[in-house]
Protein backbone atom coordinates (compact mmCIF):
# COMPACT_ATOMS: atom_id res chain seq x y z
CA UNK A 1 104.23 119.28 92.56
CA UNK A 2 104.92 118.77 88.88
CA UNK A 3 102.87 117.39 86.01
CA UNK A 4 102.62 113.91 87.53
CA UNK A 5 100.67 115.19 90.53
CA UNK A 6 98.32 117.13 88.25
CA UNK A 7 97.70 114.03 86.14
CA UNK A 8 97.02 111.96 89.26
CA UNK A 9 94.54 114.55 90.54
CA UNK A 10 92.69 114.52 87.20
CA UNK A 11 92.67 110.72 87.08
CA UNK A 12 91.26 110.35 90.60
CA UNK A 13 88.50 112.87 89.83
CA UNK A 14 87.07 110.31 87.36
CA UNK A 15 84.55 107.66 88.41
CA UNK A 16 86.61 105.14 86.45
CA UNK A 17 89.49 105.57 88.91
CA UNK A 18 87.69 103.52 91.56
CA UNK A 19 89.83 100.59 92.61
CA UNK A 20 93.13 102.25 91.68
CA UNK A 21 95.75 103.60 94.03
CA UNK A 22 98.77 105.76 93.40
CA UNK A 23 102.28 104.71 94.35
CA UNK A 24 105.80 106.07 94.10
CA UNK A 25 106.72 109.71 94.27
CA UNK A 26 103.21 110.94 93.47
CA UNK A 27 101.85 109.07 96.48
CA UNK A 28 104.49 110.57 98.74
CA UNK A 29 103.74 114.05 97.41
CA UNK A 30 99.97 113.58 97.79
CA UNK A 31 100.43 112.65 101.46
CA UNK A 32 102.85 115.59 101.97
CA UNK A 33 105.60 113.16 102.98
CA UNK A 34 108.12 114.72 100.60
CA UNK A 35 108.55 118.14 99.07
CA UNK A 36 109.56 117.50 95.47
CA UNK A 37 108.05 117.29 92.03
CA UNK A 38 107.33 114.24 89.93
CA UNK A 39 106.87 113.74 86.22
CA UNK A 40 105.18 110.33 86.32
CA UNK A 41 102.32 108.59 88.07
CA UNK A 42 102.53 105.01 89.27
CA UNK A 43 99.04 103.55 89.38
CA UNK A 44 98.12 100.09 90.56
CA UNK A 45 95.17 98.03 91.70
CA UNK A 46 95.05 95.41 94.43
CA UNK A 47 94.86 92.85 91.65
CA UNK A 48 98.10 94.26 90.27
CA UNK A 49 99.79 93.76 93.64
CA UNK A 50 98.59 90.17 93.85
CA UNK A 51 99.55 89.52 90.23
CA UNK A 52 102.96 91.07 90.74
CA UNK A 53 103.54 88.88 93.78
CA UNK A 54 102.41 85.83 91.80
CA UNK A 55 104.65 86.62 88.82
CA UNK A 56 107.67 87.81 90.80
CA UNK A 57 108.49 86.13 94.10
CA UNK A 58 108.99 88.63 96.90
CA UNK A 59 112.74 87.99 96.98
CA UNK A 60 112.91 88.89 93.27
CA UNK A 61 110.97 92.11 93.90
CA UNK A 62 113.47 92.99 96.62
CA UNK A 63 116.37 92.20 94.29
CA UNK A 64 114.86 94.46 91.65
CA UNK A 65 114.42 97.22 94.24
CA UNK A 66 118.12 96.95 95.10
CA UNK A 67 119.02 97.18 91.40
CA UNK A 68 116.93 100.34 91.01
CA UNK A 69 118.05 101.93 94.29
CA UNK A 70 121.58 101.31 95.55
CA UNK A 71 120.50 102.73 98.91
CA UNK A 72 117.55 100.35 99.30
CA UNK A 73 117.31 99.32 102.95
CA UNK A 74 115.28 96.24 103.86
CA UNK A 75 114.61 97.46 107.41
CA UNK A 76 113.32 100.80 106.17
CA UNK A 77 111.16 99.00 103.60
CA UNK A 78 109.66 96.80 106.33
CA UNK A 79 109.00 99.90 108.43
CA UNK A 80 107.31 101.63 105.49
CA UNK A 81 105.07 98.62 104.90
CA UNK A 82 104.06 98.91 108.56
CA UNK A 83 102.79 102.45 108.05
CA UNK A 84 100.00 101.32 105.73
CA UNK A 85 97.70 100.89 108.72
CA UNK A 86 97.52 104.63 109.21
CA UNK A 87 95.31 104.93 106.13
CA UNK A 88 91.60 104.37 106.61
CA UNK A 89 89.75 101.95 104.37
CA UNK A 90 88.03 104.92 102.70
CA UNK A 91 91.39 106.53 101.88
CA UNK A 92 92.45 103.41 100.00
CA UNK A 93 89.46 103.71 97.63
CA UNK A 94 89.06 99.94 97.35
CA UNK A 95 86.32 97.46 98.15
CA UNK A 96 86.26 96.11 101.70
CA UNK A 97 87.38 92.72 100.39
CA UNK A 98 90.32 94.21 98.50
CA UNK A 99 91.33 96.37 101.46
CA UNK A 100 91.41 93.31 103.70
CA UNK A 101 93.52 91.40 101.17
CA UNK A 102 95.89 94.32 100.68
CA UNK A 103 96.37 94.82 104.41
CA UNK A 104 96.96 91.10 105.00
CA UNK A 105 99.43 90.85 102.13
CA UNK A 106 101.58 93.65 103.52
CA UNK A 107 101.22 92.51 107.16
CA UNK A 108 102.46 89.06 106.16
CA UNK A 109 105.31 90.46 104.08
CA UNK A 110 106.43 92.80 106.83
CA UNK A 111 106.45 89.93 109.32
CA UNK A 112 108.50 87.82 106.89
CA UNK A 113 111.02 90.65 106.49
CA UNK A 114 111.32 91.27 110.22
CA UNK A 115 111.67 87.60 111.13
CA UNK A 116 114.23 86.98 108.39
């Protein structure tokens, strides 16, 4: 899994990790969605997601995604957002309020993407 996965496991064993989630390659590895290693850990909180959306409009985030990944596919991204519902509230390790906000944020964004 690589050093990133080990660091993430150590971080989430701490009480102070409450309210954080892991993203990127480490998240995919942790859920056994990919078989590769990672050297970094992308951590965020629900507040970070809201702040990011407030600082960068969604269309700018999508532009930045295209800059970082020439193969970025908007339809695939919308589909991936739709898979968030398969995680239970407990798996998200957030307060009930934050879980509701996170789920609504991504439901709304997915709908925006699908309806163009």
